[in-house]
Amino acid sequence: MDSAGAGADDSRGAFSLDTIPSLSGGFSSFQREWETQVGEGFPLPTFSQATTGDFRVKGRAAKVRDVAITDVHGASAIRTAALGDVEDQVRMWVVRRGAWTLGGGSGGEHTVSAGQFLLRHVGRPSHFATAPHTTAKIVVLPAAMLRPLLGNRIVTGAADSAEVRLLVAHTNMIHATMADLGPAGVQAAHRAVIELAKAVARHRFDDKEPLLATALAQAAKELADSRLTDPSLSSRTLASELNVSVRTLQRAFAAGGESVTSYIRLRRLEEARLALTAQPGRLSVSELAAHWQFSDSSHFIRAFKSHYGQTPGDCARQARAQGD
């Protein structure tokens, strides 16, 4: 949730938890996981009795050296009850749904609404409260690396800006790959978070920075995944959304041994195959081809067979036979 900074080392930790179905003990489970996997240097605030008594939250948290990343969806409201010691850190809130209100203190009250982000240096602890059904990402960053850039500014804006998309994509990738990160991977992941946070503070990022190529490719993939049925989806539209040149985007994908076009085609084939196996016979081959933006049925069949070694019809028949 809202937590304090940690020392700069190669430590890491992560957990995921869903207390929404629980009738009791949800907060205790979260607190135990947090203190075990993330807690050292990142103490939790004191929460209100109403919060601890009705703590229905689905989330995940990760620590990479002196950075903490928390994704949370709170079915119940969350509210602090007491303030801790003096803090010296930078925090970023990215709210996708609901609202996150940062209380009083010297900086005044600020509400981060759905579709917005807020980045600021925190010198004194302050209360916070969320509306029920709030979905947000909170990133805690080392003040020493970002305070000179931020000063007393509070940086706000749209959560779908290019630099925020990159930061979000990179933190999502950290969650997904944490178990496989060695010391060098931890260091690279940490450095990229810091550089992307600086980009958010500047409202721009260096698209020629090699360190950010992986984050750029991941952001483009997440954006493409949300628009696979869009006939206008292309390298050009993705590059425009992410505020980079097509060549820069292509280089970012090439660094991972793939291309933008092949990624889009592969994901469309994967979704078409999922539809075929989940509900065989519901859609015809021509309907699937049109839905997933293949130029015609013949093109779709050739691409499908080339990738999966069987035609869409064979795939559907196999799925029906297995379901009988």
Protein backbone atom coordinates (compact mmCIF):
# COMPACT_ATOMS: atom_id res chain seq x y z
CA MET A 1 0.00 0.00 0.00
CA ASP A 2 1.72 3.19 1.24
CA SER A 3 5.14 2.21 2.51
CA ALA A 4 8.57 3.62 3.27
CA GLY A 5 11.92 3.32 1.46
CA ALA A 6 14.56 0.64 1.84
CA GLY A 7 18.33 0.43 1.64
CA ALA A 8 20.03 0.02 -1.74
CA ASP A 9 21.05 -3.63 -2.07
CA ASP A 10 20.21 -6.64 -4.23
CA SER A 11 17.31 -7.77 -2.04
CA ARG A 12 14.01 -8.72 -3.58
CA GLY A 13 10.71 -10.22 -2.57
CA ALA A 14 7.20 -10.66 -3.90
CA PHE A 15 3.77 -12.03 -3.07
CA SER A 16 0.21 -12.05 -4.36
CA LEU A 17 -2.91 -12.34 -2.26
CA ASP A 18 -6.68 -12.33 -2.67
CA THR A 19 -8.64 -11.69 0.51
CA ILE A 20 -11.87 -10.68 -1.26
CA PRO A 21 -13.56 -14.09 -0.79
CA SER A 22 -12.43 -14.28 2.86
CA LEU A 23 -14.92 -13.71 5.65
CA SER A 24 -12.23 -12.93 8.23
CA GLY A 25 -8.48 -12.69 8.69
CA GLY A 26 -7.85 -10.90 5.43
CA PHE A 27 -5.80 -8.10 6.89
CA SER A 28 -3.69 -10.43 9.04
CA SER A 29 -2.83 -12.50 5.96
CA PHE A 30 -1.84 -9.40 4.00
CA GLN A 31 0.21 -7.99 6.86
CA ARG A 32 2.06 -11.28 7.34
CA GLU A 33 2.94 -11.57 3.64
CA TRP A 34 4.01 -7.93 3.45
CA GLU A 35 6.30 -8.14 6.46
CA THR A 36 7.85 -11.40 5.24
CA GLN A 37 8.42 -10.52 1.59
CA VAL A 38 8.60 -6.72 1.41
CA GLY A 39 8.49 -5.25 4.88
CA GLU A 40 12.05 -4.45 5.89
CA GLY A 41 12.45 -0.73 5.19
CA PHE A 42 8.86 -0.53 3.93
CA PRO A 43 6.68 -0.52 7.09
CA LEU A 44 2.93 -0.45 6.63
CA PRO A 45 1.00 2.50 8.04
CA THR A 46 -1.55 1.98 10.80
CA PHE A 47 -4.96 1.35 9.27
CA SER A 48 -8.37 2.23 10.65
CA GLN A 49 -10.31 -0.39 12.57
CA ALA A 50 -12.95 -0.43 9.85
CA THR A 51 -10.23 -1.25 7.31
CA THR A 52 -8.64 -4.07 9.28
CA GLY A 53 -12.05 -5.51 10.13
CA ASP A 54 -13.26 -5.56 6.52
CA PHE A 55 -10.14 -5.98 4.39
CA ARG A 56 -11.29 -7.36 1.04
CA VAL A 57 -8.36 -6.77 -1.28
CA LYS A 58 -6.80 -8.51 -4.25
CA GLY A 59 -3.24 -7.48 -4.96
CA ARG A 60 0.42 -8.20 -5.44
CA ALA A 61 3.58 -6.56 -4.19
CA ALA A 62 7.24 -6.72 -5.12
CA LYS A 63 10.45 -5.29 -3.72
CA VAL A 64 13.47 -4.66 -5.96
CA ARG A 65 16.28 -3.22 -3.84
CA ASP A 66 14.96 0.15 -2.61
CA VAL A 67 11.87 0.17 -4.82
CA ALA A 68 8.49 -1.28 -3.81
CA ILE A 69 5.69 -1.91 -6.30
CA THR A 70 2.13 -2.66 -5.20
CA ASP A 71 -0.90 -3.41 -7.37
CA VAL A 72 -4.13 -3.38 -5.45
CA HIS A 73 -7.83 -3.75 -6.10
CA GLY A 74 -9.80 -3.01 -2.97
CA ALA A 75 -13.38 -4.25 -2.89
CA SER A 76 -13.61 -2.52 0.48
CA ALA A 77 -12.48 1.00 1.30
CA ILE A 78 -9.00 1.45 2.80
CA ARG A 79 -8.18 4.19 5.29
CA THR A 80 -5.23 5.01 7.54
CA ALA A 81 -5.67 5.76 11.24
CA ALA A 82 -2.31 7.01 12.54
CA LEU A 83 0.79 8.62 11.08
CA GLY A 84 4.27 7.20 11.42
CA ASP A 85 7.70 8.75 11.58
CA VAL A 86 9.19 11.33 9.23
CA GLU A 87 9.55 9.91 5.73
CA ASP A 88 11.93 10.67 2.89
CA GLN A 89 10.80 8.97 -0.29
CA VAL A 90 9.14 9.48 -3.64
CA ARG A 91 5.80 7.84 -4.34
CA MET A 92 3.74 7.42 -7.46
CA TRP A 93 0.06 6.47 -7.59
CA VAL A 94 -1.54 5.30 -10.84
CA VAL A 95 -5.30 4.86 -10.44
CA ARG A 96 -7.27 2.81 -12.96
CA ARG A 97 -10.60 2.69 -11.15
CA GLY A 98 -12.16 4.47 -8.18
CA ALA A 99 -10.18 7.18 -6.36
CA TRP A 100 -7.21 7.49 -4.01
CA THR A 101 -7.22 10.52 -1.71
CA LEU A 102 -3.94 11.69 -0.16
CA GLY A 103 -4.75 13.61 2.97
CA GLY A 104 -3.73 16.99 4.28
CA GLY A 105 -0.24 17.69 5.54
CA SER A 106 1.92 20.48 4.20
CA GLY A 107 1.09 19.53 0.59
CA GLY A 108 -2.67 19.76 1.06
CA GLU A 109 -5.20 17.15 0.04
CA HIS A 110 -5.07 15.56 -3.40
CA THR A 111 -7.41 13.02 -4.98
CA VAL A 112 -6.07 10.82 -7.76
CA SER A 113 -9.07 9.85 -9.86
CA ALA A 114 -9.49 6.96 -12.28
CA GLY A 115 -7.25 7.38 -15.33
CA GLN A 116 -4.82 9.71 -13.53
CA PHE A 117 -1.45 9.51 -11.80
CA LEU A 118 0.35 11.56 -9.17
CA LEU A 119 4.10 11.60 -8.42
CA ARG A 120 5.62 13.51 -5.51
CA HIS A 121 8.32 13.57 -2.86
CA VAL A 122 7.00 12.67 0.58
CA GLY A 123 8.76 14.34 3.50
CA ARG A 124 6.06 13.92 6.11
CA PRO A 125 3.61 11.05 6.48
CA SER A 126 -0.01 11.81 5.65
CA HIS A 127 -3.29 9.95 5.76
CA PHE A 128 -4.83 8.33 2.73
CA ALA A 129 -8.21 6.85 1.91
CA THR A 130 -9.62 4.98 -1.06
CA ALA A 131 -13.12 4.60 -2.39
CA PRO A 132 -14.51 1.05 -2.51
CA HIS A 133 -13.54 -0.84 -5.68
CA THR A 134 -10.42 1.22 -6.29
CA THR A 135 -7.75 -0.29 -8.53
CA ALA A 136 -4.31 1.32 -8.37
CA LYS A 137 -0.57 0.83 -8.68
CA ILE A 138 1.69 2.40 -6.04
CA VAL A 139 5.42 2.68 -6.64
CA VAL A 140 7.75 3.71 -3.80
CA LEU A 141 11.09 5.09 -4.99
CA PRO A 142 14.35 6.23 -3.37
CA ALA A 143 14.24 9.95 -2.68
CA ALA A 144 17.96 10.49 -3.23
CA MET A 145 17.67 9.65 -6.94
CA LEU A 146 14.49 11.61 -7.69
CA ARG A 147 14.14 14.45 -5.18
CA PRO A 148 16.66 16.71 -7.02
CA LEU A 149 14.52 16.38 -10.15
CA LEU A 150 11.15 16.79 -8.42
CA GLY A 151 11.90 19.39 -5.77
CA ASN A 152 8.58 20.43 -4.27
CA ARG A 153 6.63 19.74 -7.45
CA ILE A 154 3.63 17.44 -7.56
CA VAL A 155 3.53 15.87 -11.01
CA THR A 156 0.12 14.76 -12.25
CA GLY A 157 -1.38 13.71 -15.55
CA ALA A 158 -3.09 10.99 -17.55
CA ALA A 159 -2.30 7.38 -16.74
CA ASP A 160 -2.21 6.55 -20.45
CA SER A 161 0.62 8.99 -21.25
CA ALA A 162 3.54 7.30 -23.01
CA GLU A 163 6.00 7.51 -20.13
CA VAL A 164 3.46 6.20 -17.57
CA ARG A 165 2.55 3.34 -19.91
CA LEU A 166 6.22 2.37 -20.04
CA LEU A 167 6.64 2.51 -16.27
CA VAL A 168 3.48 0.47 -15.70
CA ALA A 169 4.52 -2.11 -18.31
CA HIS A 170 7.97 -2.43 -16.76
CA THR A 171 6.61 -2.92 -13.24
CA ASN A 172 4.16 -5.52 -14.57
CA MET A 173 7.10 -7.31 -16.14
CA ILE A 174 8.96 -7.26 -12.80
CA HIS A 175 5.99 -8.97 -11.15
CA ALA A 176 5.91 -11.60 -13.91
CA THR A 177 9.64 -12.36 -13.95
CA MET A 178 10.66 -11.85 -10.32
CA ALA A 179 11.29 -15.56 -9.66
CA ASP A 180 13.73 -15.74 -12.60
CA LEU A 181 15.75 -12.59 -11.88
CA GLY A 182 19.37 -13.08 -10.90
CA PRO A 183 21.51 -10.32 -9.35
CA ALA A 184 22.17 -8.70 -12.75
CA GLY A 185 18.46 -8.86 -13.59
CA VAL A 186 17.53 -7.25 -10.29
CA GLN A 187 19.99 -4.45 -10.93
CA ALA A 188 18.72 -3.87 -14.49
CA ALA A 189 15.09 -3.93 -13.38
CA HIS A 190 15.84 -1.44 -10.61
CA ARG A 191 17.74 0.94 -12.91
CA ALA A 192 14.94 0.91 -15.46
CA VAL A 193 12.31 1.75 -12.80
CA ILE A 194 14.35 4.76 -11.71
CA GLU A 195 14.90 5.98 -15.29
CA LEU A 196 11.23 5.59 -16.12
CA ALA A 197 10.20 7.46 -12.95
CA LYS A 198 12.51 10.29 -14.03
CA ALA A 199 10.79 10.23 -17.43
CA VAL A 200 7.41 10.62 -15.73
CA ALA A 201 8.75 13.57 -13.74
CA ARG A 202 9.96 15.19 -16.98
CA HIS A 203 6.84 14.24 -18.97
CA ARG A 204 9.09 12.64 -21.58
CA PHE A 205 11.52 9.75 -21.93
CA ASP A 206 14.68 9.17 -23.89
CA ASP A 207 13.58 6.82 -26.67
CA LYS A 208 17.23 6.14 -27.55
CA GLU A 209 18.09 4.87 -24.06
CA PRO A 210 18.88 1.13 -24.54
CA LEU A 211 17.89 0.45 -20.94
CA LEU A 212 14.28 1.33 -21.81
CA ALA A 213 13.94 -0.83 -24.94
CA THR A 214 12.47 -3.77 -23.04
CA ALA A 215 9.96 -1.54 -21.25
CA LEU A 216 8.97 0.07 -24.56
CA ALA A 217 8.39 -3.31 -26.21
CA GLN A 218 6.37 -4.51 -23.21
CA ALA A 219 4.21 -1.37 -23.20
CA ALA A 220 3.54 -1.84 -26.91
CA LYS A 221 2.59 -5.49 -26.35
CA GLU A 222 0.14 -4.59 -23.58
CA LEU A 223 -1.38 -1.91 -25.78
CA ALA A 224 -1.59 -4.28 -28.77
CA ASP A 225 -3.21 -6.99 -26.62
CA SER A 226 -6.02 -4.60 -25.75
CA ARG A 227 -6.70 -3.80 -29.44
CA LEU A 228 -6.27 -7.07 -31.31
CA THR A 229 -9.65 -6.75 -33.04
CA ASP A 230 -8.91 -3.19 -34.18
CA PRO A 231 -8.34 -3.13 -37.96
CA SER A 232 -6.06 -0.10 -37.64
CA LEU A 233 -3.66 -1.82 -35.22
CA SER A 234 -0.12 -1.55 -36.62
CA SER A 235 3.43 -0.52 -35.81
CA ARG A 236 2.50 3.03 -36.75
CA THR A 237 -0.52 3.29 -34.45
CA LEU A 238 1.37 1.75 -31.52
CA ALA A 239 4.35 4.06 -32.06
CA SER A 240 2.03 7.06 -32.19
CA GLU A 241 0.32 6.07 -28.91
CA LEU A 242 3.71 5.64 -27.22
CA ASN A 243 5.13 8.85 -28.68
CA VAL A 244 8.08 7.22 -30.43
CA SER A 245 9.07 6.71 -34.04
CA VAL A 246 8.16 3.49 -35.83
CA ARG A 247 11.87 2.77 -36.20
CA THR A 248 12.45 3.15 -32.45
CA LEU A 249 9.59 0.76 -31.70
CA GLN A 250 10.88 -1.75 -34.23
CA ARG A 251 14.35 -1.59 -32.70
CA ALA A 252 12.88 -2.26 -29.25
CA PHE A 253 11.15 -5.41 -30.53
CA ALA A 254 14.23 -6.48 -32.50
CA ALA A 255 16.25 -6.38 -29.27
CA GLY A 256 14.06 -9.25 -28.09
CA GLY A 257 14.34 -11.14 -31.37
CA GLU A 258 10.88 -10.38 -32.77
CA SER A 259 8.95 -7.82 -34.78
CA VAL A 260 5.83 -5.79 -34.08
CA THR A 261 3.97 -7.33 -37.02
CA SER A 262 4.80 -10.91 -36.06
CA TYR A 263 3.78 -10.26 -32.46
CA ILE A 264 0.37 -8.92 -33.50
CA ARG A 265 -0.18 -11.83 -35.91
CA LEU A 266 0.84 -14.40 -33.27
CA ARG A 267 -1.45 -12.93 -30.62
CA ARG A 268 -4.38 -12.88 -33.05
CA LEU A 269 -3.73 -16.52 -33.91
CA GLU A 270 -3.56 -17.40 -30.21
CA GLU A 271 -6.90 -15.73 -29.53
CA ALA A 272 -8.48 -17.40 -32.57
CA ARG A 273 -7.24 -20.81 -31.41
CA LEU A 274 -8.58 -20.15 -27.92
CA ALA A 275 -11.99 -19.38 -29.41
CA LEU A 276 -11.87 -22.55 -31.49
CA THR A 277 -10.98 -24.82 -28.58
CA ALA A 278 -13.17 -23.14 -25.95
CA GLN A 279 -16.34 -23.14 -28.06
CA PRO A 280 -15.74 -25.33 -31.13
CA GLY A 281 -18.22 -24.75 -33.92
CA ARG A 282 -19.66 -21.53 -32.52
CA LEU A 283 -17.88 -19.36 -35.10
CA SER A 284 -17.06 -20.29 -38.66
CA VAL A 285 -13.54 -20.00 -40.06
CA SER A 286 -14.55 -16.97 -42.10
CA GLU A 287 -16.07 -15.30 -39.03
CA LEU A 288 -12.91 -15.92 -37.01
CA ALA A 289 -10.75 -14.59 -39.82
CA ALA A 290 -12.79 -11.39 -40.01
CA HIS A 291 -12.96 -10.94 -36.23
CA TRP A 292 -9.19 -11.24 -35.80
CA GLN A 293 -8.45 -9.03 -38.78
CA PHE A 294 -7.04 -11.51 -41.28
CA SER A 295 -7.54 -10.39 -44.86
CA ASP A 296 -9.55 -13.49 -45.81
CA SER A 297 -10.21 -17.09 -44.80
CA SER A 298 -7.42 -18.48 -46.97
CA HIS A 299 -4.84 -16.20 -45.37
CA PHE A 300 -6.09 -17.13 -41.92
CA ILE A 301 -5.99 -20.87 -42.63
CA ARG A 302 -2.46 -20.69 -44.05
CA ALA A 303 -1.17 -18.66 -41.09
CA PHE A 304 -2.91 -20.93 -38.58
CA LYS A 305 -1.57 -24.14 -40.15
CA SER A 306 1.94 -22.69 -40.46
CA HIS A 307 1.99 -21.89 -36.74
CA TYR A 308 0.03 -24.79 -35.21
CA GLY A 309 0.58 -27.57 -37.76
CA GLN A 310 -3.14 -28.05 -38.36
CA THR A 311 -5.98 -26.12 -39.95
CA PRO A 312 -8.58 -24.24 -37.89
CA GLY A 313 -11.14 -26.87 -38.90
CA ASP A 314 -8.91 -29.70 -37.67
CA CYS A 315 -8.35 -27.81 -34.42
CA ALA A 316 -12.10 -27.40 -33.88
CA ARG A 317 -12.82 -31.06 -34.66
CA GLN A 318 -10.11 -32.16 -32.23
CA ALA A 319 -11.56 -29.92 -29.51
CA ARG A 320 -15.06 -31.35 -30.10
CA ALA A 321 -13.74 -34.92 -29.94
CA GLN A 322 -11.94 -34.24 -26.67
CA GLY A 323 -15.08 -32.68 -25.24
CA ASP A 324 -17.28 -35.69 -26.06
